[in-house]
Protein backbone atom coordinates (compact mmCIF):
# COMPACT_ATOMS: atom_id res chain seq x y z
CA MET A 1 14.90 -43.86 -9.18
CA PHE A 2 13.65 -44.04 -5.57
CA ASP A 3 16.20 -45.74 -3.29
CA LEU A 4 14.33 -47.00 -0.23
CA ASP A 5 17.46 -48.25 1.53
CA LYS A 6 19.11 -44.83 1.27
CA TRP A 7 16.06 -43.06 2.75
CA GLN A 8 15.83 -45.62 5.55
CA GLU A 9 19.44 -44.89 6.37
CA ILE A 10 18.81 -41.13 6.37
CA PHE A 11 15.86 -41.50 8.76
CA SER A 12 17.90 -43.82 10.95
CA THR A 13 20.63 -41.17 11.21
CA ILE A 14 18.05 -38.49 12.06
CA ARG A 15 16.51 -40.68 14.79
CA LYS A 16 19.92 -41.27 16.36
CA ASN A 17 20.48 -37.52 16.66
CA LYS A 18 17.00 -36.22 17.54
CA LEU A 19 18.09 -33.19 19.59
CA ARG A 20 20.70 -32.07 17.10
CA THR A 21 18.28 -32.47 14.20
CA PHE A 22 15.52 -30.64 16.10
CA LEU A 23 17.74 -27.66 16.98
CA THR A 24 19.01 -27.46 13.40
CA GLY A 25 15.51 -27.64 11.95
CA PHE A 26 14.22 -25.11 14.49
CA SER A 27 16.73 -22.50 13.34
CA VAL A 28 15.57 -22.94 9.74
CA ALA A 29 11.87 -22.94 10.67
CA TRP A 30 12.33 -19.82 12.78
CA GLY A 31 13.99 -18.00 9.89
CA ILE A 32 11.13 -18.79 7.49
CA PHE A 33 8.53 -18.05 10.18
CA MET A 34 10.04 -14.62 10.81
CA LEU A 35 10.29 -13.87 7.08
CA ILE A 36 6.61 -14.71 6.51
CA VAL A 37 5.41 -12.78 9.58
CA LEU A 38 7.52 -9.74 8.72
CA LEU A 39 6.39 -9.76 5.09
CA GLY A 40 2.76 -10.19 6.12
CA SER A 41 3.00 -7.38 8.63
CA GLY A 42 4.60 -5.16 6.01
CA TYR A 43 1.75 -5.87 3.59
CA GLY A 44 -0.75 -5.22 6.40
CA LEU A 45 0.77 -1.81 6.94
CA GLU A 46 0.76 -1.16 3.20
CA ASN A 47 -2.88 -2.26 2.85
CA GLY A 48 -3.91 0.04 5.69
CA VAL A 49 -2.25 3.06 4.13
CA LYS A 50 -3.54 2.21 0.64
CA ARG A 51 -7.05 2.06 2.08
CA GLU A 52 -6.62 5.67 3.18
CA PHE A 53 -6.05 6.55 -0.49
CA GLU A 54 -9.24 4.77 -1.62
CA GLY A 55 -11.34 7.82 -0.83
CA ASP A 56 -9.31 10.04 -3.15
CA ALA A 57 -7.84 9.75 -6.60
CA VAL A 58 -4.06 9.38 -6.73
CA ASN A 59 -3.54 11.17 -10.04
CA TYR A 60 -4.43 14.78 -9.34
CA ILE A 61 -2.85 18.08 -8.34
CA SER A 62 -4.78 20.33 -5.97
CA ILE A 63 -3.94 24.06 -6.11
CA ASN A 64 -5.30 26.44 -3.46
CA SER A 65 -4.95 30.19 -3.43
CA GLY A 66 -2.82 31.63 -0.63
CA ILE A 67 -1.29 34.88 0.58
CA THR A 68 1.77 36.39 -1.06
CA SER A 69 4.84 36.52 1.15
CA MET A 70 7.18 38.29 -1.29
CA PRO A 71 6.88 41.76 -2.89
CA TYR A 72 6.55 41.62 -6.66
CA LYS A 73 6.71 44.39 -9.29
CA GLY A 74 5.99 47.16 -6.83
CA MET A 75 3.24 45.28 -4.98
CA LYS A 76 3.66 44.52 -1.31
CA ALA A 77 3.59 41.12 0.31
CA GLY A 78 0.48 39.98 2.19
CA ARG A 79 -2.01 40.11 -0.69
CA PHE A 80 -4.83 37.57 -0.60
CA LEU A 81 -5.13 35.75 -3.93
CA ARG A 82 -8.63 34.87 -5.12
CA PHE A 83 -9.02 32.46 -8.00
CA GLU A 84 -11.87 32.96 -10.48
CA ASN A 85 -14.17 30.59 -12.35
CA ASP A 86 -12.27 30.81 -15.62
CA ASP A 87 -9.06 29.57 -13.95
CA LYS A 88 -10.52 26.07 -14.21
CA GLN A 89 -10.56 26.31 -18.01
CA MET A 90 -7.20 28.08 -18.17
CA LEU A 91 -5.38 25.39 -16.18
CA GLY A 92 -7.41 22.58 -17.76
CA ALA A 93 -5.93 23.52 -21.15
CA ILE A 94 -2.40 22.56 -20.02
CA ASP A 95 -0.94 19.56 -21.85
CA ASP A 96 -1.35 16.20 -20.03
CA VAL A 97 -4.33 17.52 -18.00
CA ASP A 98 -7.27 15.20 -18.60
CA LYS A 99 -9.89 16.98 -16.45
CA SER A 100 -10.01 20.06 -14.28
CA SER A 101 -12.42 20.92 -11.49
CA SER A 102 -12.96 23.84 -9.17
CA ARG A 103 -14.11 23.92 -5.55
CA THR A 104 -14.77 26.42 -2.82
CA PHE A 105 -15.84 26.16 0.78
CA VAL A 106 -19.09 27.77 1.91
CA PHE A 107 -18.25 29.47 5.18
CA ASN A 108 -21.67 31.05 5.84
CA GLY A 109 -24.70 28.79 5.75
CA GLN A 110 -23.47 25.55 7.27
CA ASN A 111 -26.73 24.89 9.09
CA LEU A 112 -28.75 22.16 7.41
CA SER A 113 -32.29 21.13 8.30
CA TYR A 114 -34.98 18.72 7.19
CA LYS A 115 -38.33 19.07 8.94
CA ASN A 116 -37.47 18.78 12.65
CA GLU A 117 -33.90 17.49 12.12
CA TYR A 118 -30.95 19.87 12.19
CA GLY A 119 -27.20 19.65 11.82
CA SER A 120 -24.08 21.64 11.03
CA PHE A 121 -21.95 20.15 8.26
CA ASP A 122 -19.25 21.20 5.79
CA ILE A 123 -20.60 22.54 2.52
CA PHE A 124 -18.48 22.42 -0.62
CA ALA A 125 -19.43 24.12 -3.84
CA VAL A 126 -18.01 22.14 -6.76
CA THR A 127 -18.08 21.48 -10.47
CA PRO A 128 -19.10 18.01 -11.77
CA GLU A 129 -15.49 16.91 -12.41
CA TYR A 130 -14.76 16.99 -8.67
CA TYR A 131 -16.52 13.63 -8.44
CA TYR A 132 -13.37 11.99 -9.86
CA VAL A 133 -11.08 13.70 -7.35
CA GLU A 134 -12.87 12.26 -4.33
CA SER A 135 -13.60 8.86 -5.96
CA LEU A 136 -17.00 8.81 -4.28
CA GLU A 137 -19.39 5.86 -4.32
CA LEU A 138 -22.91 7.05 -5.05
CA THR A 139 -25.43 4.98 -3.11
CA ARG A 140 -28.55 6.56 -4.61
CA GLY A 141 -29.25 9.24 -7.20
CA ARG A 142 -26.53 11.21 -8.96
CA TYR A 143 -23.78 13.76 -8.48
CA ILE A 144 -23.75 17.45 -9.45
CA ASN A 145 -23.90 17.75 -13.26
CA ASP A 146 -23.27 20.41 -15.90
CA TYR A 147 -26.97 21.28 -16.13
CA ASP A 148 -26.97 22.13 -12.40
CA VAL A 149 -23.98 24.42 -12.83
CA GLU A 150 -25.19 26.15 -16.01
CA ASN A 151 -28.67 26.81 -14.63
CA PHE A 152 -27.77 27.69 -11.05
CA ARG A 153 -29.93 24.83 -9.80
CA LYS A 154 -30.37 24.34 -6.05
CA ALA A 155 -29.26 20.72 -6.05
CA VAL A 156 -27.40 19.03 -3.21
CA VAL A 157 -25.60 15.70 -2.78
CA LEU A 158 -25.35 14.38 0.79
CA GLY A 159 -22.65 12.38 2.49
CA LYS A 160 -23.71 9.25 4.33
CA VAL A 161 -23.34 10.85 7.77
CA VAL A 162 -25.47 13.83 6.74
CA LYS A 163 -28.12 11.54 5.26
CA GLU A 164 -28.33 9.48 8.46
CA ALA A 165 -28.46 12.60 10.66
CA LEU A 166 -31.26 14.31 8.75
CA PHE A 167 -33.23 11.43 7.22
CA LYS A 168 -32.46 8.47 9.49
CA GLN A 169 -33.64 5.38 7.58
CA HIS A 170 -35.69 7.30 5.00
CA GLU A 171 -34.61 7.74 1.38
CA PRO A 172 -33.57 11.40 0.85
CA VAL A 173 -33.44 11.59 -2.97
CA GLY A 174 -36.17 13.92 -4.21
CA GLU A 175 -36.66 15.57 -0.82
CA TYR A 176 -35.76 19.18 0.03
CA ILE A 177 -33.41 20.31 2.78
CA LYS A 178 -32.68 23.86 3.85
CA ILE A 179 -29.18 25.31 3.84
CA ASN A 180 -29.24 28.47 5.92
CA GLY A 181 -32.94 28.73 5.19
CA VAL A 182 -32.61 28.20 1.42
CA PRO A 183 -34.30 25.03 0.05
CA PHE A 184 -32.10 22.62 -1.95
CA LYS A 185 -33.31 19.44 -3.64
CA VAL A 186 -31.45 16.25 -2.72
CA VAL A 187 -30.34 14.59 -5.98
CA GLY A 188 -28.13 11.88 -4.49
CA TRP A 189 -26.16 10.62 -1.52
CA PHE A 190 -22.85 8.84 -1.30
CA ASP A 191 -20.46 6.81 0.77
CA ASP A 192 -16.68 7.16 0.86
CA PRO A 193 -14.53 3.99 0.63
CA GLY A 194 -11.70 5.85 2.31
CA GLY A 195 -13.53 6.43 5.60
CA ASP A 196 -15.78 9.01 7.26
CA ARG A 197 -13.84 12.13 6.36
CA ASP A 198 -15.92 13.04 3.30
CA VAL A 199 -19.26 11.51 4.26
CA SER A 200 -19.97 14.38 6.65
CA ARG A 201 -20.00 16.83 3.73
CA VAL A 202 -22.57 18.03 1.24
CA TYR A 203 -21.88 19.21 -2.31
CA ILE A 204 -23.77 21.90 -4.22
CA PRO A 205 -23.17 23.50 -7.66
CA ILE A 206 -20.45 26.13 -7.50
CA THR A 207 -22.42 28.70 -9.50
CA THR A 208 -25.43 28.29 -7.22
CA ALA A 209 -23.31 28.83 -4.12
CA GLN A 210 -21.75 31.96 -5.64
CA ARG A 211 -25.18 33.43 -6.38
CA VAL A 212 -27.01 32.37 -3.20
CA PHE A 213 -24.22 33.16 -0.76
CA ASN A 214 -22.91 36.31 -2.49
CA MET A 215 -19.50 34.88 -3.33
CA GLY A 216 -19.07 36.62 -6.67
CA ASN A 217 -17.10 34.49 -9.12
CA SER A 218 -14.33 33.56 -6.69
CA ILE A 219 -13.17 30.01 -6.02
CA ARG A 220 -10.56 28.68 -3.62
CA ASN A 221 -9.26 25.59 -5.38
CA VAL A 222 -8.55 24.08 -8.78
CA CYS A 223 -7.84 20.35 -9.17
CA LEU A 224 -6.10 18.93 -12.24
CA MET A 225 -6.53 15.24 -13.17
CA LEU A 226 -3.51 13.83 -14.98
CA ASP A 227 -4.40 10.23 -15.93
CA ASP A 228 -1.21 8.10 -15.85
CA ALA A 229 1.36 10.86 -15.38
CA ASN A 230 4.42 10.08 -13.29
CA THR A 231 5.93 12.33 -10.65
CA GLN A 232 8.22 14.12 -13.10
CA GLU A 233 5.40 14.81 -15.57
CA SER A 234 3.12 16.05 -12.79
CA ASN A 235 5.78 18.50 -11.65
CA VAL A 236 6.09 19.83 -15.21
CA VAL A 237 2.32 20.45 -15.25
CA LEU A 238 2.51 22.09 -11.83
CA ASP A 239 5.30 24.43 -12.95
CA GLU A 240 3.25 25.52 -15.95
CA ALA A 241 0.16 26.06 -13.80
CA ARG A 242 2.16 28.09 -11.31
CA ALA A 243 3.55 30.25 -14.12
CA LEU A 244 0.08 30.91 -15.59
CA LEU A 245 -1.38 31.86 -12.21
CA ALA A 246 1.64 34.02 -11.35
CA GLN A 247 1.26 35.90 -14.61
CA LYS A 248 -2.49 36.45 -14.11
CA TYR A 249 -2.42 37.39 -10.42
CA LYS A 250 0.97 39.10 -10.47
CA PHE A 251 2.99 37.26 -7.83
CA ASN A 252 6.47 35.83 -7.79
CA PRO A 253 6.38 32.21 -9.10
CA ALA A 254 8.97 31.35 -6.45
CA ASP A 255 6.74 32.66 -3.63
CA PRO A 256 6.20 29.60 -1.36
CA ARG A 257 2.99 30.93 0.24
CA ALA A 258 1.19 32.29 -2.81
CA LEU A 259 -0.15 28.83 -3.65
CA PHE A 260 -0.81 25.79 -1.49
CA VAL A 261 -0.25 22.70 -3.57
CA PHE A 262 -0.94 19.02 -2.95
CA ASN A 263 0.47 16.66 -5.56
CA SER A 264 -1.26 13.32 -4.95
CA ILE A 265 0.89 11.63 -7.61
CA GLU A 266 4.09 12.59 -5.84
CA ASN A 267 2.61 11.82 -2.44
CA PHE A 268 1.42 8.36 -3.48
CA GLN A 269 4.75 7.57 -5.12
CA GLN A 270 6.59 8.53 -1.93
CA PHE A 271 4.46 6.07 0.02
CA MET A 272 5.08 3.35 -2.56
CA ASP A 273 8.84 4.01 -2.45
CA LEU A 274 8.71 3.85 1.34
CA PHE A 275 6.97 0.47 1.28
CA ALA A 276 9.38 -0.82 -1.35
CA GLY A 277 12.20 0.10 1.04
CA ILE A 278 10.39 -1.59 3.94
CA ARG A 279 9.91 -4.78 1.88
CA LEU A 280 13.59 -4.76 0.92
CA PHE A 281 14.58 -4.33 4.57
CA ILE A 282 12.26 -7.19 5.60
CA TRP A 283 13.73 -9.47 2.94
CA ILE A 284 17.26 -8.66 4.08
CA ILE A 285 16.38 -9.42 7.72
CA GLY A 286 14.43 -12.56 6.82
CA ILE A 287 17.01 -13.96 4.43
CA GLY A 288 19.75 -13.17 6.94
CA THR A 289 17.86 -15.21 9.53
CA ILE A 290 17.40 -18.06 7.05
CA ILE A 291 21.09 -17.99 6.14
CA ALA A 292 21.95 -18.31 9.82
CA GLY A 293 19.81 -21.43 9.94
CA ILE A 294 21.31 -22.80 6.73
CA VAL A 295 24.83 -22.30 8.09
CA GLY A 296 23.71 -24.30 11.10
CA VAL A 297 22.53 -27.10 8.81
CA SER A 298 25.85 -27.04 6.96
CA ASN A 299 27.81 -27.23 10.21
CA ILE A 300 25.70 -30.15 11.43
CA MET A 301 26.25 -31.99 8.15
CA MET A 302 30.00 -31.41 8.53
CA ILE A 303 29.79 -33.09 11.93
CA VAL A 304 27.78 -35.94 10.40
CA VAL A 305 30.44 -36.45 7.75
CA LYS A 306 33.19 -36.47 10.38
CA GLU A 307 31.33 -39.00 12.52
CA ARG A 308 30.72 -41.28 9.55
CA THR A 309 34.17 -40.99 8.02
CA LYS A 310 34.99 -44.68 8.58
CA GLU A 311 31.61 -45.74 7.25
CA ILE A 312 32.15 -43.66 4.13
CA GLY A 313 35.58 -45.23 3.66
CA ILE A 314 34.05 -48.68 3.83
CA ARG A 315 31.41 -47.72 1.31
CA LYS A 316 34.02 -46.40 -1.12
CA SER A 317 36.24 -49.47 -0.68
CA MET A 318 33.22 -51.60 -1.61
CA GLY A 319 32.73 -49.65 -4.84
CA ALA A 320 30.40 -46.80 -3.85
CA THR A 321 30.60 -43.95 -6.37
CA PRO A 322 31.36 -40.35 -5.29
CA TRP A 323 27.85 -39.36 -6.45
CA SER A 324 26.20 -41.93 -4.17
CA ILE A 325 28.09 -40.40 -1.22
CA VAL A 326 27.24 -36.85 -2.29
CA SER A 327 23.54 -37.66 -2.86
CA LEU A 328 23.27 -39.28 0.58
CA ILE A 329 24.51 -36.14 2.34
CA LEU A 330 22.57 -33.79 0.06
CA GLN A 331 19.30 -35.64 0.53
CA GLU A 332 19.61 -35.57 4.30
CA SER A 333 20.39 -31.84 4.23
CA VAL A 334 17.51 -31.03 1.85
CA LEU A 335 15.10 -33.15 3.90
CA ILE A 336 15.90 -31.36 7.17
CA THR A 337 15.85 -27.92 5.57
CA ALA A 338 12.72 -28.37 3.47
CA PHE A 339 10.68 -30.02 6.24
CA ALA A 340 11.65 -27.48 8.89
CA GLY A 341 11.14 -24.61 6.47
CA TYR A 342 7.71 -25.88 5.50
CA ILE A 343 6.72 -26.03 9.18
CA GLY A 344 7.89 -22.43 9.61
CA LEU A 345 5.97 -21.42 6.46
CA VAL A 346 2.73 -23.02 7.66
CA LEU A 347 3.03 -21.53 11.15
CA GLY A 348 3.77 -18.08 9.73
CA VAL A 349 0.80 -18.14 7.33
CA GLY A 350 -1.40 -19.54 10.11
CA LEU A 351 -0.44 -16.71 12.46
CA LEU A 352 -1.19 -14.12 9.78
CA GLU A 353 -4.61 -15.69 9.16
CA LEU A 354 -5.37 -15.56 12.88
CA ALA A 355 -4.20 -11.96 13.06
CA SER A 356 -6.30 -11.03 10.05
CA GLY A 357 -9.38 -12.62 11.62
CA PHE A 358 -9.05 -11.34 15.18
CA LEU A 359 -7.14 -8.06 15.02
CA PRO A 360 -9.35 -5.06 14.17
CA SER A 361 -8.44 -3.21 10.99
CA THR A 362 -7.13 0.26 11.68
CA ASP A 363 -6.40 3.26 9.50
CA TYR A 364 -2.81 2.12 9.06
CA PHE A 365 -2.97 -1.68 9.35
CA ALA A 366 -5.33 -4.06 7.57
CA ASN A 367 -5.40 -7.64 6.26
CA PRO A 368 -1.84 -8.87 6.90
CA GLU A 369 -1.15 -11.44 4.21
CA VAL A 370 1.56 -13.06 2.13
CA ASP A 371 1.29 -13.40 -1.61
CA PHE A 372 1.00 -17.03 -2.83
CA ASN A 373 3.92 -16.51 -5.23
CA ILE A 374 6.10 -15.41 -2.33
CA ALA A 375 5.20 -18.57 -0.41
CA ILE A 376 6.14 -20.70 -3.44
CA GLY A 377 9.35 -18.70 -3.86
CA ALA A 378 10.23 -19.22 -0.21
CA THR A 379 9.75 -22.98 -0.64
CA ILE A 380 12.04 -23.04 -3.68
CA ILE A 381 14.62 -21.01 -1.76
CA LEU A 382 14.46 -23.60 1.01
CA VAL A 383 15.15 -26.51 -1.33
CA LEU A 384 18.06 -24.68 -2.96
CA ALA A 385 19.39 -23.59 0.42
CA GLY A 386 19.22 -27.15 1.70
CA ALA A 387 21.20 -28.34 -1.31
CA ILE A 388 23.80 -25.59 -0.82
CA ALA A 389 24.03 -26.35 2.89
CA GLY A 390 24.77 -29.98 2.20
CA PHE A 391 27.03 -29.49 -0.81
CA VAL A 392 30.24 -28.57 1.02
CA PRO A 393 30.02 -31.47 3.50
CA ALA A 394 28.99 -33.82 0.68
CA ARG A 395 31.94 -32.72 -1.42
CA ARG A 396 34.29 -33.36 1.51
CA ALA A 397 32.77 -36.79 2.04
CA ALA A 398 33.19 -37.69 -1.63
CA SER A 399 36.88 -36.66 -1.56
CA ILE A 400 37.77 -38.95 1.38
CA LYS A 401 40.17 -41.71 0.40
CA PRO A 402 39.19 -45.18 1.62
CA VAL A 403 42.57 -45.88 3.24
CA GLU A 404 42.55 -42.60 5.18
CA ALA A 405 38.94 -43.12 6.20
CA LEU A 406 39.61 -46.59 7.58
CA ARG A 407 42.47 -45.20 9.69
CA ASP A 408 40.21 -42.54 11.20
CA GLU A 409 39.41 -43.04 14.86
């Protein structure tokens, strides 16, 4: 039941000690403010890095051919390894591999032209499955398909930067561009949610590139898509792939330079573990700051109890129950803590909103924010902390004997 007289008394006590109450509340508000700002900044950093992963899948292993650095079965070190087309099928048959793709870089023939527009851009020869590795967003048309590969079709997919350089505001799908003088039909163009790294590329069928640019049947890279595999499972797949390639191309499986491997699953998990550690560190710092403020509240309430010892004695001699004394101290402590903490919470969220609106998003920092559940959790922590802060002084007040209290000077 709401006791108006008790709350009037609490507010009267707060008004009598404005400076003390302000300093106590400030320490609590500052702790919550710092926790919210630190958490928001941590999420901003995490969002920025996650955005860098948007342009690529995070469940693939990329294997590039290298140069042997160890002699093996009578063969000297320094041999260039050249993958072949059928390596895509060989590695794609490994358990847990959902899709496999192959890719190679076209070194000769990087000059692109359309009518009077010219440019030099990276050209990648790929199989259709490579679409899932880059996680591209097709704006118009389509990507390279199996029919293109099987029939050596001169089809090309343009990145956004290439499209704008050669076609300006015109729609390129259905038009022909020349790659080193050879006409290719534009079948689509794309954007990359991860940034401008991939949008300055063009993609053509791998079989067409091998025939037009005299590349034989060699490829430089095989990518394996692994669905929901974890780091341990991806490493098992990688070990099997390494063993198969070592057996076929006769190199030591332990040779560190024979293959160049990028495990996106392991890489992404390392980033997530790093951010989990950062969040834990932020919580430790923030909660430590809050605890410092709560200790301040508890100390202030101890002083309040000492100052009101005689008053408490009079109350008890007139029949006040221990709970009425405890609730009086607890309510004052919770009020100061909750109000000050709420102010800190609002200021922290407000600062993050301002930062999100005015600070430019960068490659490693974007949209600093605090999850709503965290804000609710912080509020609950405040209420509990306020109760804990006032419990010890309240317990001491309730244990005071009336006779001893009345003797107190």
